[in-house]
Amino acid sequence: MSDPRAQLDALREAIVAASPAQAARMLMLLDALDKDMTTLAAQRDRLRQDVEDAEHARDAANLARMKVMGQLNTLQKILAAAVPDVPSGKDPQSDAQRRVEWLLKSGGTDPAAAQAAKSAEMEAPMPGRAVLEAVIAGERKFTKAQLEFSIAEAMVLTGWQMTPLELTQKGEPWLADLILQNQADLA
């Protein structure tokens, strides 16, 4: 496909070779067409930017939804680990409520349950404060799921200015610190 601007320039040269009256009229039409093309190109560029902005907003909303679901799943797993004596049913919310009631009635003094809850928190797919602090301190690394989640969150936090590879190259402590700082800013 030829460059439209080059075609317009060639047409302009052909018009100039025509009679002066015809050339003037055709050049006016050509100039109007050129102006319309410029306007349409600017509109196209704005629409492309709007689409990109909408995609970023969608990605941020998806990440926020994933965070909420991750938090909920983590809490449910922690409760299940801390209160294994309460059987699971078909409704996770009811299970969680029964487990909280059990903890309130029994005083939550079982050290094995507390350790199980801590372990579940450290292995959750979405890293919490304890995981982030441990990664920053160099005491542990992210699990694969935690690293994937952290990279996705870092992409949103950096405004998509860095690729996943660039974020990974910054290192896990850097990622953990970025996320932890953002959590502190939201509190």
C-alpha atoms as a PDB file:
ATOM      1  CA  MET A   1       0.000   0.000   0.000  1.00  0.00           C
ATOM      2  CA  SER A   2       1.418   3.374  -0.979  1.00  0.00           C
ATOM      3  CA  ASP A   3       1.846   6.267   1.386  1.00  0.00           C
ATOM      4  CA  PRO A   4      -1.290   8.469   1.162  1.00  0.00           C
ATOM      5  CA  ARG A   5       0.799  11.606   1.635  1.00  0.00           C
ATOM      6  CA  ALA A   6       3.037  10.677  -1.318  1.00  0.00           C
ATOM      7  CA  GLN A   7      -0.050  10.020  -3.443  1.00  0.00           C
ATOM      8  CA  LEU A   8      -1.470  13.414  -2.482  1.00  0.00           C
ATOM      9  CA  ASP A   9       1.804  15.112  -3.376  1.00  0.00           C
ATOM     10  CA  ALA A  10       1.883  13.365  -6.780  1.00  0.00           C
ATOM     11  CA  LEU A  11      -1.722  14.375  -7.399  1.00  0.00           C
ATOM     12  CA  ARG A  12      -0.920  17.940  -6.384  1.00  0.00           C
ATOM     13  CA  GLU A  13       1.908  18.051  -8.952  1.00  0.00           C
ATOM     14  CA  ALA A  14      -0.416  16.728 -11.673  1.00  0.00           C
ATOM     15  CA  ILE A  15      -3.008  19.365 -10.826  1.00  0.00           C
ATOM     16  CA  VAL A  16      -0.453  22.167 -11.016  1.00  0.00           C
ATOM     17  CA  ALA A  17       0.282  21.032 -14.578  1.00  0.00           C
ATOM     18  CA  ALA A  18      -3.430  21.530 -15.504  1.00  0.00           C
ATOM     19  CA  SER A  19      -4.985  24.868 -16.497  1.00  0.00           C
ATOM     20  CA  PRO A  20      -4.777  27.568 -13.814  1.00  0.00           C
ATOM     21  CA  ALA A  21      -8.544  27.698 -13.150  1.00  0.00           C
ATOM     22  CA  GLN A  22      -8.912  23.915 -12.926  1.00  0.00           C
ATOM     23  CA  ALA A  23      -5.777  23.635 -10.847  1.00  0.00           C
ATOM     24  CA  ALA A  24      -6.973  26.208  -8.306  1.00  0.00           C
ATOM     25  CA  ARG A  25     -10.331  24.472  -7.861  1.00  0.00           C
ATOM     26  CA  MET A  26      -8.775  20.996  -7.593  1.00  0.00           C
ATOM     27  CA  LEU A  27      -6.090  22.213  -5.183  1.00  0.00           C
ATOM     28  CA  MET A  28      -8.797  23.622  -2.890  1.00  0.00           C
ATOM     29  CA  LEU A  29     -10.546  20.244  -2.904  1.00  0.00           C
ATOM     30  CA  LEU A  30      -7.253  18.480  -2.330  1.00  0.00           C
ATOM     31  CA  ASP A  31      -6.385  20.776   0.576  1.00  0.00           C
ATOM     32  CA  ALA A  32      -9.780  20.064   2.146  1.00  0.00           C
ATOM     33  CA  LEU A  33      -9.164  16.328   1.720  1.00  0.00           C
ATOM     34  CA  ASP A  34      -5.715  16.688   3.258  1.00  0.00           C
ATOM     35  CA  LYS A  35      -7.181  18.547   6.251  1.00  0.00           C
ATOM     36  CA  ASP A  36      -9.846  15.841   6.691  1.00  0.00           C
ATOM     37  CA  MET A  37      -7.171  13.123   6.579  1.00  0.00           C
ATOM     38  CA  THR A  38      -5.146  14.939   9.231  1.00  0.00           C
ATOM     39  CA  THR A  39      -8.236  15.259  11.429  1.00  0.00           C
ATOM     40  CA  LEU A  40      -9.088  11.578  10.974  1.00  0.00           C
ATOM     41  CA  ALA A  41      -5.518  10.528  11.798  1.00  0.00           C
ATOM     42  CA  ALA A  42      -5.630  12.580  15.013  1.00  0.00           C
ATOM     43  CA  GLN A  43      -8.993  11.022  15.934  1.00  0.00           C
ATOM     44  CA  ARG A  44      -7.596   7.561  15.260  1.00  0.00           C
ATOM     45  CA  ASP A  45      -4.624   8.274  17.530  1.00  0.00           C
ATOM     46  CA  ARG A  46      -6.924   9.522  20.310  1.00  0.00           C
ATOM     47  CA  LEU A  47      -9.121   6.433  19.959  1.00  0.00           C
ATOM     48  CA  ARG A  48      -6.092   4.153  20.133  1.00  0.00           C
ATOM     49  CA  GLN A  49      -5.021   5.912  23.334  1.00  0.00           C
ATOM     50  CA  ASP A  50      -8.554   5.587  24.713  1.00  0.00           C
ATOM     51  CA  VAL A  51      -8.494   1.846  23.985  1.00  0.00           C
ATOM     52  CA  GLU A  52      -5.103   1.500  25.660  1.00  0.00           C
ATOM     53  CA  ASP A  53      -6.326   3.455  28.697  1.00  0.00           C
ATOM     54  CA  ALA A  54      -9.457   1.284  28.872  1.00  0.00           C
ATOM     55  CA  GLU A  55      -7.336  -1.875  28.686  1.00  0.00           C
ATOM     56  CA  HIS A  56      -5.162  -0.609  31.547  1.00  0.00           C
ATOM     57  CA  ALA A  57      -8.244   0.245  33.604  1.00  0.00           C
ATOM     58  CA  ARG A  58      -9.656  -3.225  32.902  1.00  0.00           C
ATOM     59  CA  ASP A  59      -6.372  -4.837  33.939  1.00  0.00           C
ATOM     60  CA  ALA A  60      -6.295  -2.781  37.147  1.00  0.00           C
ATOM     61  CA  ALA A  61      -9.905  -3.762  37.915  1.00  0.00           C
ATOM     62  CA  ASN A  62      -9.109  -7.425  37.247  1.00  0.00           C
ATOM     63  CA  LEU A  63      -6.114  -7.210  39.575  1.00  0.00           C
ATOM     64  CA  ALA A  64      -8.241  -5.584  42.282  1.00  0.00           C
ATOM     65  CA  ARG A  65     -10.805  -8.388  41.884  1.00  0.00           C
ATOM     66  CA  MET A  66      -8.037 -10.990  42.049  1.00  0.00           C
ATOM     67  CA  LYS A  67      -6.723  -9.355  45.225  1.00  0.00           C
ATOM     68  CA  VAL A  68     -10.121  -9.489  46.915  1.00  0.00           C
ATOM     69  CA  MET A  69     -10.645 -13.101  45.847  1.00  0.00           C
ATOM     70  CA  GLY A  70      -7.116 -13.954  46.970  1.00  0.00           C
ATOM     71  CA  GLN A  71      -7.692 -12.360  50.354  1.00  0.00           C
ATOM     72  CA  LEU A  72     -10.964 -14.229  50.769  1.00  0.00           C
ATOM     73  CA  ASN A  73      -9.436 -17.557  49.763  1.00  0.00           C
ATOM     74  CA  THR A  74      -6.462 -16.968  52.058  1.00  0.00           C
ATOM     75  CA  LEU A  75      -8.728 -16.180  54.999  1.00  0.00           C
ATOM     76  CA  GLN A  76     -10.812 -19.275  54.328  1.00  0.00           C
ATOM     77  CA  LYS A  77      -7.701 -21.483  54.136  1.00  0.00           C
ATOM     78  CA  ILE A  78      -6.271 -19.933  57.301  1.00  0.00           C
ATOM     79  CA  LEU A  79      -9.541 -20.556  59.125  1.00  0.00           C
ATOM     80  CA  ALA A  80      -9.686 -24.124  57.822  1.00  0.00           C
ATOM     81  CA  ALA A  81      -6.109 -24.728  58.961  1.00  0.00           C
ATOM     82  CA  ALA A  82      -6.694 -23.105  62.348  1.00  0.00           C
ATOM     83  CA  VAL A  83      -9.969 -24.947  62.991  1.00  0.00           C
ATOM     84  CA  PRO A  84      -9.720 -28.355  61.342  1.00  0.00           C
ATOM     85  CA  ASP A  85     -12.358 -29.838  63.687  1.00  0.00           C
ATOM     86  CA  VAL A  86     -15.166 -27.934  61.924  1.00  0.00           C
ATOM     87  CA  PRO A  87     -16.078 -29.913  58.794  1.00  0.00           C
ATOM     88  CA  SER A  88     -16.383 -28.207  55.408  1.00  0.00           C
ATOM     89  CA  GLY A  89     -19.768 -27.927  53.791  1.00  0.00           C
ATOM     90  CA  LYS A  90     -20.966 -26.681  50.426  1.00  0.00           C
ATOM     91  CA  ASP A  91     -20.881 -22.984  51.376  1.00  0.00           C
ATOM     92  CA  PRO A  92     -17.436 -21.534  52.169  1.00  0.00           C
ATOM     93  CA  GLN A  93     -18.967 -18.481  53.853  1.00  0.00           C
ATOM     94  CA  SER A  94     -20.982 -20.618  56.256  1.00  0.00           C
ATOM     95  CA  ASP A  95     -17.890 -22.741  56.909  1.00  0.00           C
ATOM     96  CA  ALA A  96     -15.900 -19.603  57.753  1.00  0.00           C
ATOM     97  CA  GLN A  97     -18.618 -18.332  60.082  1.00  0.00           C
ATOM     98  CA  ARG A  98     -18.789 -21.670  61.919  1.00  0.00           C
ATOM     99  CA  ARG A  99     -15.004 -21.681  62.297  1.00  0.00           C
ATOM    100  CA  VAL A 100     -14.949 -18.122  63.655  1.00  0.00           C
ATOM    101  CA  GLU A 101     -17.693 -19.054  66.117  1.00  0.00           C
ATOM    102  CA  TRP A 102     -15.657 -22.082  67.184  1.00  0.00           C
ATOM    103  CA  LEU A 103     -12.573 -19.880  67.705  1.00  0.00           C
ATOM    104  CA  LEU A 104     -14.583 -17.401  69.764  1.00  0.00           C
ATOM    105  CA  LYS A 105     -16.059 -20.146  71.952  1.00  0.00           C
ATOM    106  CA  SER A 106     -12.784 -21.995  72.486  1.00  0.00           C
ATOM    107  CA  GLY A 107     -10.647 -18.910  72.933  1.00  0.00           C
ATOM    108  CA  GLY A 108      -8.380 -19.786  70.007  1.00  0.00           C
ATOM    109  CA  THR A 109      -5.614 -21.146  72.254  1.00  0.00           C
ATOM    110  CA  ASP A 110      -4.485 -24.128  70.175  1.00  0.00           C
ATOM    111  CA  PRO A 111      -0.795 -23.520  69.240  1.00  0.00           C
ATOM    112  CA  ALA A 112      -0.947 -26.105  66.438  1.00  0.00           C
ATOM    113  CA  ALA A 113      -3.905 -24.248  64.919  1.00  0.00           C
ATOM    114  CA  ALA A 114      -2.032 -20.955  65.140  1.00  0.00           C
ATOM    115  CA  GLN A 115       0.989 -22.513  63.402  1.00  0.00           C
ATOM    116  CA  ALA A 116      -1.230 -24.034  60.706  1.00  0.00           C
ATOM    117  CA  ALA A 117      -2.858 -20.650  60.134  1.00  0.00           C
ATOM    118  CA  LYS A 118       0.555 -18.946  59.855  1.00  0.00           C
ATOM    119  CA  SER A 119       1.736 -21.602  57.397  1.00  0.00           C
ATOM    120  CA  ALA A 120      -1.394 -21.172  55.261  1.00  0.00           C
ATOM    121  CA  GLU A 121      -0.834 -17.406  55.221  1.00  0.00           C
ATOM    122  CA  MET A 122       2.789 -17.779  54.088  1.00  0.00           C
ATOM    123  CA  GLU A 123       1.835 -20.102  51.214  1.00  0.00           C
ATOM    124  CA  ALA A 124      -1.212 -18.166  49.987  1.00  0.00           C
ATOM    125  CA  PRO A 125      -1.075 -17.244  46.273  1.00  0.00           C
ATOM    126  CA  MET A 126      -1.433 -13.550  47.086  1.00  0.00           C
ATOM    127  CA  PRO A 127       1.418 -12.474  49.363  1.00  0.00           C
ATOM    128  CA  GLY A 128       0.374 -10.744  52.559  1.00  0.00           C
ATOM    129  CA  ARG A 129       2.391  -8.380  54.737  1.00  0.00           C
ATOM    130  CA  ALA A 130       4.245 -11.200  56.506  1.00  0.00           C
ATOM    131  CA  VAL A 131       5.378 -12.714  53.193  1.00  0.00           C
ATOM    132  CA  LEU A 132       6.366  -9.325  51.769  1.00  0.00           C
ATOM    133  CA  GLU A 133       8.391  -8.452  54.864  1.00  0.00           C
ATOM    134  CA  ALA A 134      10.128 -11.849  54.817  1.00  0.00           C
ATOM    135  CA  VAL A 135      11.033 -11.440  51.131  1.00  0.00           C
ATOM    136  CA  ILE A 136      12.366  -7.925  51.729  1.00  0.00           C
ATOM    137  CA  ALA A 137      14.463  -9.222  54.648  1.00  0.00           C
ATOM    138  CA  GLY A 138      15.836 -12.005  52.437  1.00  0.00           C
ATOM    139  CA  GLU A 139      14.386 -14.698  54.702  1.00  0.00           C
ATOM    140  CA  ARG A 140      12.431 -16.351  51.888  1.00  0.00           C
ATOM    141  CA  LYS A 141      11.450 -16.090  48.245  1.00  0.00           C
ATOM    142  CA  PHE A 142       8.011 -15.831  46.708  1.00  0.00           C
ATOM    143  CA  THR A 143       6.278 -19.024  45.686  1.00  0.00           C
ATOM    144  CA  LYS A 144       5.612 -19.250  41.946  1.00  0.00           C
ATOM    145  CA  ALA A 145       2.006 -18.105  42.394  1.00  0.00           C
ATOM    146  CA  GLN A 146       3.083 -15.238  44.691  1.00  0.00           C
ATOM    147  CA  LEU A 147       5.713 -14.104  42.179  1.00  0.00           C
ATOM    148  CA  GLU A 148       3.214 -14.133  39.314  1.00  0.00           C
ATOM    149  CA  PHE A 149       0.717 -12.145  41.373  1.00  0.00           C
ATOM    150  CA  SER A 150       3.418  -9.694  42.508  1.00  0.00           C
ATOM    151  CA  ILE A 151       4.569  -9.058  38.947  1.00  0.00           C
ATOM    152  CA  ALA A 152       0.989  -8.410  37.816  1.00  0.00           C
ATOM    153  CA  GLU A 153       0.452  -6.013  40.712  1.00  0.00           C
ATOM    154  CA  ALA A 154       3.777  -4.262  40.050  1.00  0.00           C
ATOM    155  CA  MET A 155       2.800  -3.731  36.414  1.00  0.00           C
ATOM    156  CA  VAL A 156      -0.315  -1.892  37.572  1.00  0.00           C
ATOM    157  CA  LEU A 157       1.574   0.046  40.268  1.00  0.00           C
ATOM    158  CA  THR A 158       4.211   1.211  37.773  1.00  0.00           C
ATOM    159  CA  GLY A 159       1.593   2.217  35.219  1.00  0.00           C
ATOM    160  CA  TRP A 160       2.668  -0.471  32.751  1.00  0.00           C
ATOM    161  CA  GLN A 161       5.976   1.311  32.266  1.00  0.00           C
ATOM    162  CA  MET A 162       7.938  -1.905  32.785  1.00  0.00           C
ATOM    163  CA  THR A 163       7.651  -5.360  31.244  1.00  0.00           C
ATOM    164  CA  PRO A 164       7.362  -8.490  33.395  1.00  0.00           C
ATOM    165  CA  LEU A 165      10.979  -9.300  32.527  1.00  0.00           C
ATOM    166  CA  GLU A 166      12.163  -5.856  33.645  1.00  0.00           C
ATOM    167  CA  LEU A 167      10.218  -6.206  36.892  1.00  0.00           C
ATOM    168  CA  THR A 168      11.656  -9.668  37.500  1.00  0.00           C
ATOM    169  CA  GLN A 169      15.170  -8.327  36.940  1.00  0.00           C
ATOM    170  CA  LYS A 170      14.606  -5.759  39.707  1.00  0.00           C
ATOM    171  CA  GLY A 171      14.500  -8.687  42.131  1.00  0.00           C
ATOM    172  CA  GLU A 172      11.974 -10.117  44.519  1.00  0.00           C
ATOM    173  CA  PRO A 173      12.907  -7.793  47.433  1.00  0.00           C
ATOM    174  CA  TRP A 174      12.320  -4.773  45.174  1.00  0.00           C
ATOM    175  CA  LEU A 175       8.924  -6.152  44.083  1.00  0.00           C
ATOM    176  CA  ALA A 176       7.948  -6.912  47.677  1.00  0.00           C
ATOM    177  CA  ASP A 177       8.966  -3.418  48.794  1.00  0.00           C
ATOM    178  CA  LEU A 178       6.980  -1.775  45.977  1.00  0.00           C
ATOM    179  CA  ILE A 179       3.862  -3.732  46.925  1.00  0.00           C
ATOM    180  CA  LEU A 180       4.302  -3.187  50.653  1.00  0.00           C
ATOM    181  CA  GLN A 181       4.765   0.571  50.164  1.00  0.00           C
ATOM    182  CA  ASN A 182       1.571   0.653  48.104  1.00  0.00           C
ATOM    183  CA  GLN A 183      -0.319  -1.246  50.798  1.00  0.00           C
ATOM    184  CA  ALA A 184       0.933   1.257  53.388  1.00  0.00           C
ATOM    185  CA  ASP A 185      -0.219   4.141  51.166  1.00  0.00           C
ATOM    186  CA  LEU A 186      -3.723   2.653  50.970  1.00  0.00           C
ATOM    187  CA  ALA A 187      -4.021   2.168  54.727  1.00  0.00           C
END
